[in-house]
Amino acid sequence: MQSLESDQRANRLLACLEPATRAAVAPRLEHVPLVLRQNLYEEDGPMTDVWFPAAGVLSMLAATSAAQTRIEVATIGPDGMLGVPLLLGGRRSPGVVFAQVEGHGWRMGADDFLDAVRNYADFAGVMQRYACALLVQVSQGTACNRAHDVAQRCARWLLQTHDRVAGDTLELTQEFLAEMLGERRATVNQAATALQQRGLIRYSRGRITVTDRPGLEAAACGCYRFIRDQTAQLLPLPPASHSDGA
């Protein structure tokens, strides 16, 4: 059975903490489910908590000029946390964030989070480096949406989600994928069909299965690799130690 300590280390940021720091903040972490389509933040709503996913994927959405239309600007999985604006003095969410893929994780009150930032240097350092990684994802994703075609962006999005889930199958409809990419369903359907015809994915009844990961990486634009590599540089995982094990 997985220990509480090893489950916390399923989140990359918590895993990057010194064992003593992780033990100190552990009482402030509440284990919670991430329910499919659950809104964790509302646009301009208060950020009363932060989340550290251990499994599942969160989507950050930004409003566009079209009424009632939003586009995904970042994804957060076990590699990150939700609540970065708190580090910069913000208390209200700039956009909607919801659970794209169900899972579970750790919730911490905003005041407890800020207290940990003030009192534990390595906690503050890890969170600040993740803020840099998230900024890279948002800024590079924005450039990607302007510069690259739908098939490349579709491949990038599938890879980013695939990185954050267990297994090769993603539960999603083409309508949902179109919403995340900010494109019409017919346009995304053409892109997904092209990827399927190349043998890179298999699509059936609201499920997309990655069947050729290297081929899908080759089909994506360089933005995917840039974001991945920048995150790895900013947040290298420490080697496991006997004292830190399950």
C-alpha atoms as a PDB file:
ATOM      1  CA  MET A   1       0.000   0.000   0.000  1.00  0.00           C
ATOM      2  CA  GLN A   2       1.353   3.411  -0.910  1.00  0.00           C
ATOM      3  CA  SER A   3       2.353   5.555   2.072  1.00  0.00           C
ATOM      4  CA  LEU A   4       1.166   9.120   2.637  1.00  0.00           C
ATOM      5  CA  GLU A   5       4.736  10.314   2.024  1.00  0.00           C
ATOM      6  CA  SER A   6       5.144   8.474  -1.292  1.00  0.00           C
ATOM      7  CA  ASP A   7       1.719   9.685  -2.471  1.00  0.00           C
ATOM      8  CA  GLN A   8       2.711  13.286  -1.792  1.00  0.00           C
ATOM      9  CA  ARG A   9       5.862  12.712  -3.810  1.00  0.00           C
ATOM     10  CA  ALA A  10       3.657  11.769  -6.773  1.00  0.00           C
ATOM     11  CA  ASN A  11       3.454  15.538  -7.226  1.00  0.00           C
ATOM     12  CA  ARG A  12       6.686  16.815  -8.773  1.00  0.00           C
ATOM     13  CA  LEU A  13       6.845  20.002  -6.705  1.00  0.00           C
ATOM     14  CA  LEU A  14       6.324  18.227  -3.403  1.00  0.00           C
ATOM     15  CA  ALA A  15       8.918  15.663  -4.492  1.00  0.00           C
ATOM     16  CA  CYS A  16      11.426  18.467  -5.083  1.00  0.00           C
ATOM     17  CA  LEU A  17      11.180  19.664  -1.474  1.00  0.00           C
ATOM     18  CA  GLU A  18      13.698  18.751   1.184  1.00  0.00           C
ATOM     19  CA  PRO A  19      12.270  15.862   3.264  1.00  0.00           C
ATOM     20  CA  ALA A  20      12.221  18.036   6.389  1.00  0.00           C
ATOM     21  CA  THR A  21      10.249  20.763   4.589  1.00  0.00           C
ATOM     22  CA  ARG A  22       7.792  18.265   3.142  1.00  0.00           C
ATOM     23  CA  ALA A  23       7.253  16.809   6.609  1.00  0.00           C
ATOM     24  CA  ALA A  24       6.716  20.310   8.039  1.00  0.00           C
ATOM     25  CA  VAL A  25       4.043  21.288   5.480  1.00  0.00           C
ATOM     26  CA  ALA A  26       2.372  17.857   5.357  1.00  0.00           C
ATOM     27  CA  PRO A  27      -0.143  18.651   8.150  1.00  0.00           C
ATOM     28  CA  ARG A  28      -1.388  21.563   6.042  1.00  0.00           C
ATOM     29  CA  LEU A  29      -2.073  19.356   3.020  1.00  0.00           C
ATOM     30  CA  GLU A  30      -5.528  17.797   2.676  1.00  0.00           C
ATOM     31  CA  HIS A  31      -5.929  14.813   0.352  1.00  0.00           C
ATOM     32  CA  VAL A  32      -8.884  15.510  -1.982  1.00  0.00           C
ATOM     33  CA  PRO A  33     -10.406  14.051  -5.170  1.00  0.00           C
ATOM     34  CA  LEU A  34     -10.287  15.967  -8.455  1.00  0.00           C
ATOM     35  CA  VAL A  35     -13.728  15.422  -9.923  1.00  0.00           C
ATOM     36  CA  LEU A  36     -14.170  15.486 -13.712  1.00  0.00           C
ATOM     37  CA  ARG A  37     -15.242  18.974 -14.940  1.00  0.00           C
ATOM     38  CA  GLN A  38     -15.059  20.359 -11.396  1.00  0.00           C
ATOM     39  CA  ASN A  39     -14.294  24.091 -11.396  1.00  0.00           C
ATOM     40  CA  LEU A  40     -11.509  24.819  -8.920  1.00  0.00           C
ATOM     41  CA  TYR A  41     -11.228  28.517  -9.781  1.00  0.00           C
ATOM     42  CA  GLU A  42     -13.806  30.812 -11.333  1.00  0.00           C
ATOM     43  CA  GLU A  43     -12.924  33.836 -13.437  1.00  0.00           C
ATOM     44  CA  ASP A  44     -12.223  36.739 -11.046  1.00  0.00           C
ATOM     45  CA  GLY A  45     -13.131  34.437  -8.166  1.00  0.00           C
ATOM     46  CA  PRO A  46     -11.184  34.256  -4.888  1.00  0.00           C
ATOM     47  CA  MET A  47      -8.223  31.880  -4.690  1.00  0.00           C
ATOM     48  CA  THR A  48      -8.783  30.468  -1.221  1.00  0.00           C
ATOM     49  CA  ASP A  49      -6.811  27.259  -1.827  1.00  0.00           C
ATOM     50  CA  VAL A  50      -3.979  25.856  -3.899  1.00  0.00           C
ATOM     51  CA  TRP A  51      -3.868  22.348  -5.358  1.00  0.00           C
ATOM     52  CA  PHE A  52      -1.006  19.917  -5.945  1.00  0.00           C
ATOM     53  CA  PRO A  53      -2.327  17.158  -8.256  1.00  0.00           C
ATOM     54  CA  ALA A  54      -1.004  13.639  -7.683  1.00  0.00           C
ATOM     55  CA  ALA A  55      -3.063  12.270 -10.590  1.00  0.00           C
ATOM     56  CA  GLY A  56      -5.306  13.957 -13.130  1.00  0.00           C
ATOM     57  CA  VAL A  57      -5.060  17.080 -15.274  1.00  0.00           C
ATOM     58  CA  LEU A  58      -6.305  20.638 -14.715  1.00  0.00           C
ATOM     59  CA  SER A  59      -7.016  23.083 -17.548  1.00  0.00           C
ATOM     60  CA  MET A  60      -6.511  26.832 -17.276  1.00  0.00           C
ATOM     61  CA  LEU A  61      -8.841  28.765 -19.576  1.00  0.00           C
ATOM     62  CA  ALA A  62      -8.756  32.352 -20.781  1.00  0.00           C
ATOM     63  CA  ALA A  63     -11.670  34.255 -22.286  1.00  0.00           C
ATOM     64  CA  THR A  64     -11.503  35.328 -25.929  1.00  0.00           C
ATOM     65  CA  SER A  65     -13.216  38.215 -27.690  1.00  0.00           C
ATOM     66  CA  ALA A  66     -15.973  35.862 -28.874  1.00  0.00           C
ATOM     67  CA  ALA A  67     -18.835  35.767 -26.396  1.00  0.00           C
ATOM     68  CA  GLN A  68     -18.871  32.691 -24.144  1.00  0.00           C
ATOM     69  CA  THR A  69     -15.712  31.344 -25.802  1.00  0.00           C
ATOM     70  CA  ARG A  70     -12.593  30.303 -23.914  1.00  0.00           C
ATOM     71  CA  ILE A  71      -9.328  28.702 -24.936  1.00  0.00           C
ATOM     72  CA  GLU A  72      -6.911  26.664 -22.880  1.00  0.00           C
ATOM     73  CA  VAL A  73      -3.691  28.500 -22.012  1.00  0.00           C
ATOM     74  CA  ALA A  74      -2.021  25.896 -19.779  1.00  0.00           C
ATOM     75  CA  THR A  75      -2.386  22.416 -18.347  1.00  0.00           C
ATOM     76  CA  ILE A  76      -1.422  21.381 -14.825  1.00  0.00           C
ATOM     77  CA  GLY A  77      -0.862  17.813 -13.744  1.00  0.00           C
ATOM     78  CA  PRO A  78       1.314  15.995 -11.222  1.00  0.00           C
ATOM     79  CA  ASP A  79       4.147  18.171 -12.549  1.00  0.00           C
ATOM     80  CA  GLY A  80       2.791  21.360 -11.016  1.00  0.00           C
ATOM     81  CA  MET A  81       0.357  23.236  -8.807  1.00  0.00           C
ATOM     82  CA  LEU A  82      -2.628  25.524  -9.097  1.00  0.00           C
ATOM     83  CA  GLY A  83      -2.270  28.891  -7.374  1.00  0.00           C
ATOM     84  CA  VAL A  84       0.768  30.617  -8.877  1.00  0.00           C
ATOM     85  CA  PRO A  85      -0.822  34.131  -8.811  1.00  0.00           C
ATOM     86  CA  LEU A  86      -0.711  33.975  -5.003  1.00  0.00           C
ATOM     87  CA  LEU A  87       3.094  34.072  -5.224  1.00  0.00           C
ATOM     88  CA  LEU A  88       2.856  37.414  -7.004  1.00  0.00           C
ATOM     89  CA  GLY A  89       0.367  39.060  -4.684  1.00  0.00           C
ATOM     90  CA  GLY A  90      -2.803  38.067  -6.512  1.00  0.00           C
ATOM     91  CA  ARG A  91      -5.868  36.877  -4.632  1.00  0.00           C
ATOM     92  CA  ARG A  92      -8.364  36.467  -7.495  1.00  0.00           C
ATOM     93  CA  SER A  93      -8.153  34.063 -10.391  1.00  0.00           C
ATOM     94  CA  PRO A  94      -7.617  35.587 -13.860  1.00  0.00           C
ATOM     95  CA  GLY A  95      -9.558  32.732 -15.464  1.00  0.00           C
ATOM     96  CA  VAL A  96     -11.467  29.479 -15.030  1.00  0.00           C
ATOM     97  CA  VAL A  97      -9.568  26.349 -14.007  1.00  0.00           C
ATOM     98  CA  PHE A  98     -11.279  22.962 -14.053  1.00  0.00           C
ATOM     99  CA  ALA A  99     -10.432  19.267 -13.845  1.00  0.00           C
ATOM    100  CA  GLN A 100      -9.947  18.057 -17.415  1.00  0.00           C
ATOM    101  CA  VAL A 101      -9.020  14.526 -16.294  1.00  0.00           C
ATOM    102  CA  GLU A 102     -10.245  13.233 -12.943  1.00  0.00           C
ATOM    103  CA  GLY A 103      -7.770  12.220 -10.300  1.00  0.00           C
ATOM    104  CA  HIS A 104      -6.729  13.268  -6.815  1.00  0.00           C
ATOM    105  CA  GLY A 105      -4.229  15.495  -5.109  1.00  0.00           C
ATOM    106  CA  TRP A 106      -3.444  17.743  -2.182  1.00  0.00           C
ATOM    107  CA  ARG A 107      -5.193  20.969  -1.223  1.00  0.00           C
ATOM    108  CA  MET A 108      -3.625  23.664   0.944  1.00  0.00           C
ATOM    109  CA  GLY A 109      -5.254  26.849   2.174  1.00  0.00           C
ATOM    110  CA  ALA A 110      -3.944  30.021   0.545  1.00  0.00           C
ATOM    111  CA  ASP A 111      -2.806  31.479   3.877  1.00  0.00           C
ATOM    112  CA  ASP A 112      -0.981  28.256   4.789  1.00  0.00           C
ATOM    113  CA  PHE A 113       0.664  28.276   1.360  1.00  0.00           C
ATOM    114  CA  LEU A 114       1.908  31.846   1.759  1.00  0.00           C
ATOM    115  CA  ASP A 115       3.093  31.073   5.278  1.00  0.00           C
ATOM    116  CA  ALA A 116       5.129  28.139   3.920  1.00  0.00           C
ATOM    117  CA  VAL A 117       6.602  30.410   1.237  1.00  0.00           C
ATOM    118  CA  ARG A 118       7.716  32.844   3.924  1.00  0.00           C
ATOM    119  CA  ASN A 119       9.134  30.268   6.319  1.00  0.00           C
ATOM    120  CA  TYR A 120      10.769  27.604   4.142  1.00  0.00           C
ATOM    121  CA  ALA A 121      13.326  28.793   1.621  1.00  0.00           C
ATOM    122  CA  ASP A 122      13.311  25.616  -0.448  1.00  0.00           C
ATOM    123  CA  PHE A 123       9.484  25.640  -0.592  1.00  0.00           C
ATOM    124  CA  ALA A 124       9.599  29.221  -1.881  1.00  0.00           C
ATOM    125  CA  GLY A 125      12.334  28.352  -4.376  1.00  0.00           C
ATOM    126  CA  VAL A 126      10.485  25.361  -5.830  1.00  0.00           C
ATOM    127  CA  MET A 127       7.246  27.349  -6.184  1.00  0.00           C
ATOM    128  CA  GLN A 128       9.052  30.258  -7.821  1.00  0.00           C
ATOM    129  CA  ARG A 129      10.779  27.969 -10.319  1.00  0.00           C
ATOM    130  CA  TYR A 130       7.444  26.384 -11.133  1.00  0.00           C
ATOM    131  CA  ALA A 131       6.005  29.869 -11.705  1.00  0.00           C
ATOM    132  CA  CYS A 132       8.754  30.349 -14.300  1.00  0.00           C
ATOM    133  CA  ALA A 133       7.898  26.997 -15.907  1.00  0.00           C
ATOM    134  CA  LEU A 134       4.208  27.905 -16.057  1.00  0.00           C
ATOM    135  CA  LEU A 135       5.061  31.265 -17.621  1.00  0.00           C
ATOM    136  CA  VAL A 136       7.067  29.427 -20.288  1.00  0.00           C
ATOM    137  CA  GLN A 137       4.099  27.150 -20.984  1.00  0.00           C
ATOM    138  CA  VAL A 138       1.627  30.033 -21.251  1.00  0.00           C
ATOM    139  CA  SER A 139       3.849  32.301 -23.359  1.00  0.00           C
ATOM    140  CA  GLN A 140       5.065  29.549 -25.682  1.00  0.00           C
ATOM    141  CA  GLY A 141       1.547  28.198 -26.034  1.00  0.00           C
ATOM    142  CA  THR A 142       0.300  31.661 -26.993  1.00  0.00           C
ATOM    143  CA  ALA A 143       2.981  31.938 -29.663  1.00  0.00           C
ATOM    144  CA  CYS A 144       2.165  28.418 -30.848  1.00  0.00           C
ATOM    145  CA  ASN A 145      -1.513  29.251 -31.265  1.00  0.00           C
ATOM    146  CA  ARG A 146      -0.532  32.111 -33.566  1.00  0.00           C
ATOM    147  CA  ALA A 147       2.270  30.471 -35.540  1.00  0.00           C
ATOM    148  CA  HIS A 148       1.461  26.792 -36.062  1.00  0.00           C
ATOM    149  CA  ASP A 149      -1.238  24.864 -37.848  1.00  0.00           C
ATOM    150  CA  VAL A 150      -4.020  22.956 -36.133  1.00  0.00           C
ATOM    151  CA  ALA A 151      -2.473  19.512 -36.690  1.00  0.00           C
ATOM    152  CA  GLN A 152       0.773  20.558 -34.972  1.00  0.00           C
ATOM    153  CA  ARG A 153      -1.095  22.198 -32.113  1.00  0.00           C
ATOM    154  CA  CYS A 154      -3.367  19.172 -31.768  1.00  0.00           C
ATOM    155  CA  ALA A 155      -0.314  16.898 -31.505  1.00  0.00           C
ATOM    156  CA  ARG A 156       1.242  19.237 -28.914  1.00  0.00           C
ATOM    157  CA  TRP A 157      -1.914  19.272 -26.817  1.00  0.00           C
ATOM    158  CA  LEU A 158      -2.251  15.471 -26.927  1.00  0.00           C
ATOM    159  CA  LEU A 159       1.398  15.061 -25.902  1.00  0.00           C
ATOM    160  CA  GLN A 160       1.069  17.480 -22.995  1.00  0.00           C
ATOM    161  CA  THR A 161      -1.992  15.638 -21.728  1.00  0.00           C
ATOM    162  CA  HIS A 162      -0.418  12.226 -22.358  1.00  0.00           C
ATOM    163  CA  ASP A 163       2.556  13.289 -20.214  1.00  0.00           C
ATOM    164  CA  ARG A 164       0.244  13.912 -17.278  1.00  0.00           C
ATOM    165  CA  VAL A 165      -1.925  10.762 -17.268  1.00  0.00           C
ATOM    166  CA  ALA A 166      -1.362   7.083 -16.644  1.00  0.00           C
ATOM    167  CA  GLY A 167      -1.640   4.955 -19.773  1.00  0.00           C
ATOM    168  CA  ASP A 168      -2.086   5.841 -23.422  1.00  0.00           C
ATOM    169  CA  THR A 169      -5.841   6.475 -23.617  1.00  0.00           C
ATOM    170  CA  LEU A 170      -7.357   9.927 -23.115  1.00  0.00           C
ATOM    171  CA  GLU A 171     -11.059  10.222 -22.387  1.00  0.00           C
ATOM    172  CA  LEU A 172     -12.202  13.177 -24.480  1.00  0.00           C
ATOM    173  CA  THR A 173     -14.491  14.070 -27.325  1.00  0.00           C
ATOM    174  CA  GLN A 174     -13.521  16.028 -30.401  1.00  0.00           C
ATOM    175  CA  GLU A 175     -15.906  18.757 -29.240  1.00  0.00           C
ATOM    176  CA  PHE A 176     -13.854  19.103 -26.066  1.00  0.00           C
ATOM    177  CA  LEU A 177     -10.565  19.045 -27.974  1.00  0.00           C
ATOM    178  CA  ALA A 178     -11.892  21.760 -30.302  1.00  0.00           C
ATOM    179  CA  GLU A 179     -12.838  23.900 -27.302  1.00  0.00           C
ATOM    180  CA  MET A 180      -9.371  23.504 -25.766  1.00  0.00           C
ATOM    181  CA  LEU A 181      -7.692  24.501 -29.040  1.00  0.00           C
ATOM    182  CA  GLY A 182     -10.107  27.343 -29.739  1.00  0.00           C
ATOM    183  CA  GLU A 183     -11.051  25.885 -33.132  1.00  0.00           C
ATOM    184  CA  ARG A 184     -14.196  24.682 -34.880  1.00  0.00           C
ATOM    185  CA  ARG A 185     -14.992  21.005 -34.404  1.00  0.00           C
ATOM    186  CA  ALA A 186     -14.759  20.352 -38.169  1.00  0.00           C
ATOM    187  CA  THR A 187     -11.236  21.798 -38.258  1.00  0.00           C
ATOM    188  CA  VAL A 188     -10.066  19.697 -35.320  1.00  0.00           C
ATOM    189  CA  ASN A 189     -11.758  16.629 -36.778  1.00  0.00           C
ATOM    190  CA  GLN A 190      -9.658  17.019 -39.932  1.00  0.00           C
ATOM    191  CA  ALA A 191      -6.466  17.346 -37.883  1.00  0.00           C
ATOM    192  CA  ALA A 192      -7.293  14.333 -35.699  1.00  0.00           C
ATOM    193  CA  THR A 193      -8.223  12.272 -38.751  1.00  0.00           C
ATOM    194  CA  ALA A 194      -4.885  13.103 -40.366  1.00  0.00           C
ATOM    195  CA  LEU A 195      -3.019  11.995 -37.236  1.00  0.00           C
ATOM    196  CA  GLN A 196      -5.063   8.786 -37.140  1.00  0.00           C
ATOM    197  CA  GLN A 197      -4.389   8.027 -40.808  1.00  0.00           C
ATOM    198  CA  ARG A 198      -0.667   8.309 -40.083  1.00  0.00           C
ATOM    199  CA  GLY A 199      -1.052   5.703 -37.333  1.00  0.00           C
ATOM    200  CA  LEU A 200      -0.138   8.122 -34.530  1.00  0.00           C
ATOM    201  CA  ILE A 201      -3.437   7.987 -32.637  1.00  0.00           C
ATOM    202  CA  ARG A 202      -6.634   5.961 -32.625  1.00  0.00           C
ATOM    203  CA  TYR A 203      -9.933   7.753 -32.089  1.00  0.00           C
ATOM    204  CA  SER A 204     -13.155   6.002 -31.152  1.00  0.00           C
ATOM    205  CA  ARG A 205     -16.257   6.995 -29.171  1.00  0.00           C
ATOM    206  CA  GLY A 206     -14.867   9.813 -27.094  1.00  0.00           C
ATOM    207  CA  ARG A 207     -11.460   8.232 -26.579  1.00  0.00           C
ATOM    208  CA  ILE A 208      -8.126   9.027 -28.153  1.00  0.00           C
ATOM    209  CA  THR A 209      -5.346   6.474 -27.764  1.00  0.00           C
ATOM    210  CA  VAL A 210      -1.743   7.422 -28.461  1.00  0.00           C
ATOM    211  CA  THR A 211      -0.424   4.555 -30.597  1.00  0.00           C
ATOM    212  CA  ASP A 212       2.899   6.006 -31.778  1.00  0.00           C
ATOM    213  CA  ARG A 213       4.407   8.367 -29.239  1.00  0.00           C
ATOM    214  CA  PRO A 214       7.662   9.107 -31.155  1.00  0.00           C
ATOM    215  CA  GLY A 215       5.666   9.740 -34.316  1.00  0.00           C
ATOM    216  CA  LEU A 216       3.312  12.082 -32.481  1.00  0.00           C
ATOM    217  CA  GLU A 217       6.300  14.018 -31.115  1.00  0.00           C
ATOM    218  CA  ALA A 218       7.650  14.329 -34.666  1.00  0.00           C
ATOM    219  CA  ALA A 219       4.254  15.626 -35.841  1.00  0.00           C
ATOM    220  CA  ALA A 220       4.121  18.306 -33.133  1.00  0.00           C
ATOM    221  CA  CYS A 221       5.774  21.685 -33.445  1.00  0.00           C
ATOM    222  CA  GLY A 222       8.952  22.419 -31.516  1.00  0.00           C
ATOM    223  CA  CYS A 223       6.909  24.203 -28.833  1.00  0.00           C
ATOM    224  CA  TYR A 224       6.161  20.902 -27.109  1.00  0.00           C
ATOM    225  CA  ARG A 225       9.833  19.994 -26.677  1.00  0.00           C
ATOM    226  CA  PHE A 226      10.777  23.529 -25.664  1.00  0.00           C
ATOM    227  CA  ILE A 227       8.181  23.595 -22.862  1.00  0.00           C
ATOM    228  CA  ARG A 228       9.109  20.077 -21.717  1.00  0.00           C
ATOM    229  CA  ASP A 229      12.839  20.784 -21.637  1.00  0.00           C
ATOM    230  CA  GLN A 230      12.476  24.125 -19.875  1.00  0.00           C
ATOM    231  CA  THR A 231      10.370  22.488 -17.151  1.00  0.00           C
ATOM    232  CA  ALA A 232      12.942  19.720 -16.689  1.00  0.00           C
ATOM    233  CA  GLN A 233      15.725  22.301 -16.318  1.00  0.00           C
ATOM    234  CA  LEU A 234      13.805  24.377 -13.797  1.00  0.00           C
ATOM    235  CA  LEU A 235      12.504  21.450 -11.744  1.00  0.00           C
ATOM    236  CA  PRO A 236      14.900  18.492 -11.890  1.00  0.00           C
ATOM    237  CA  LEU A 237      13.692  15.623  -9.741  1.00  0.00           C
ATOM    238  CA  PRO A 238      16.031  14.776  -6.861  1.00  0.00           C
ATOM    239  CA  PRO A 239      17.374  11.221  -6.608  1.00  0.00           C
ATOM    240  CA  ALA A 240      15.392   9.002  -4.252  1.00  0.00           C
ATOM    241  CA  SER A 241      16.984   8.402  -0.880  1.00  0.00           C
ATOM    242  CA  HIS A 242      16.432   5.655   1.672  1.00  0.00           C
ATOM    243  CA  SER A 243      15.191   8.144   4.251  1.00  0.00           C
ATOM    244  CA  ASP A 244      12.747   9.605   1.747  1.00  0.00           C
ATOM    245  CA  GLY A 245      11.312   6.363   0.455  1.00  0.00           C
ATOM    246  CA  ALA A 246       7.906   4.777   0.941  1.00  0.00           C
END
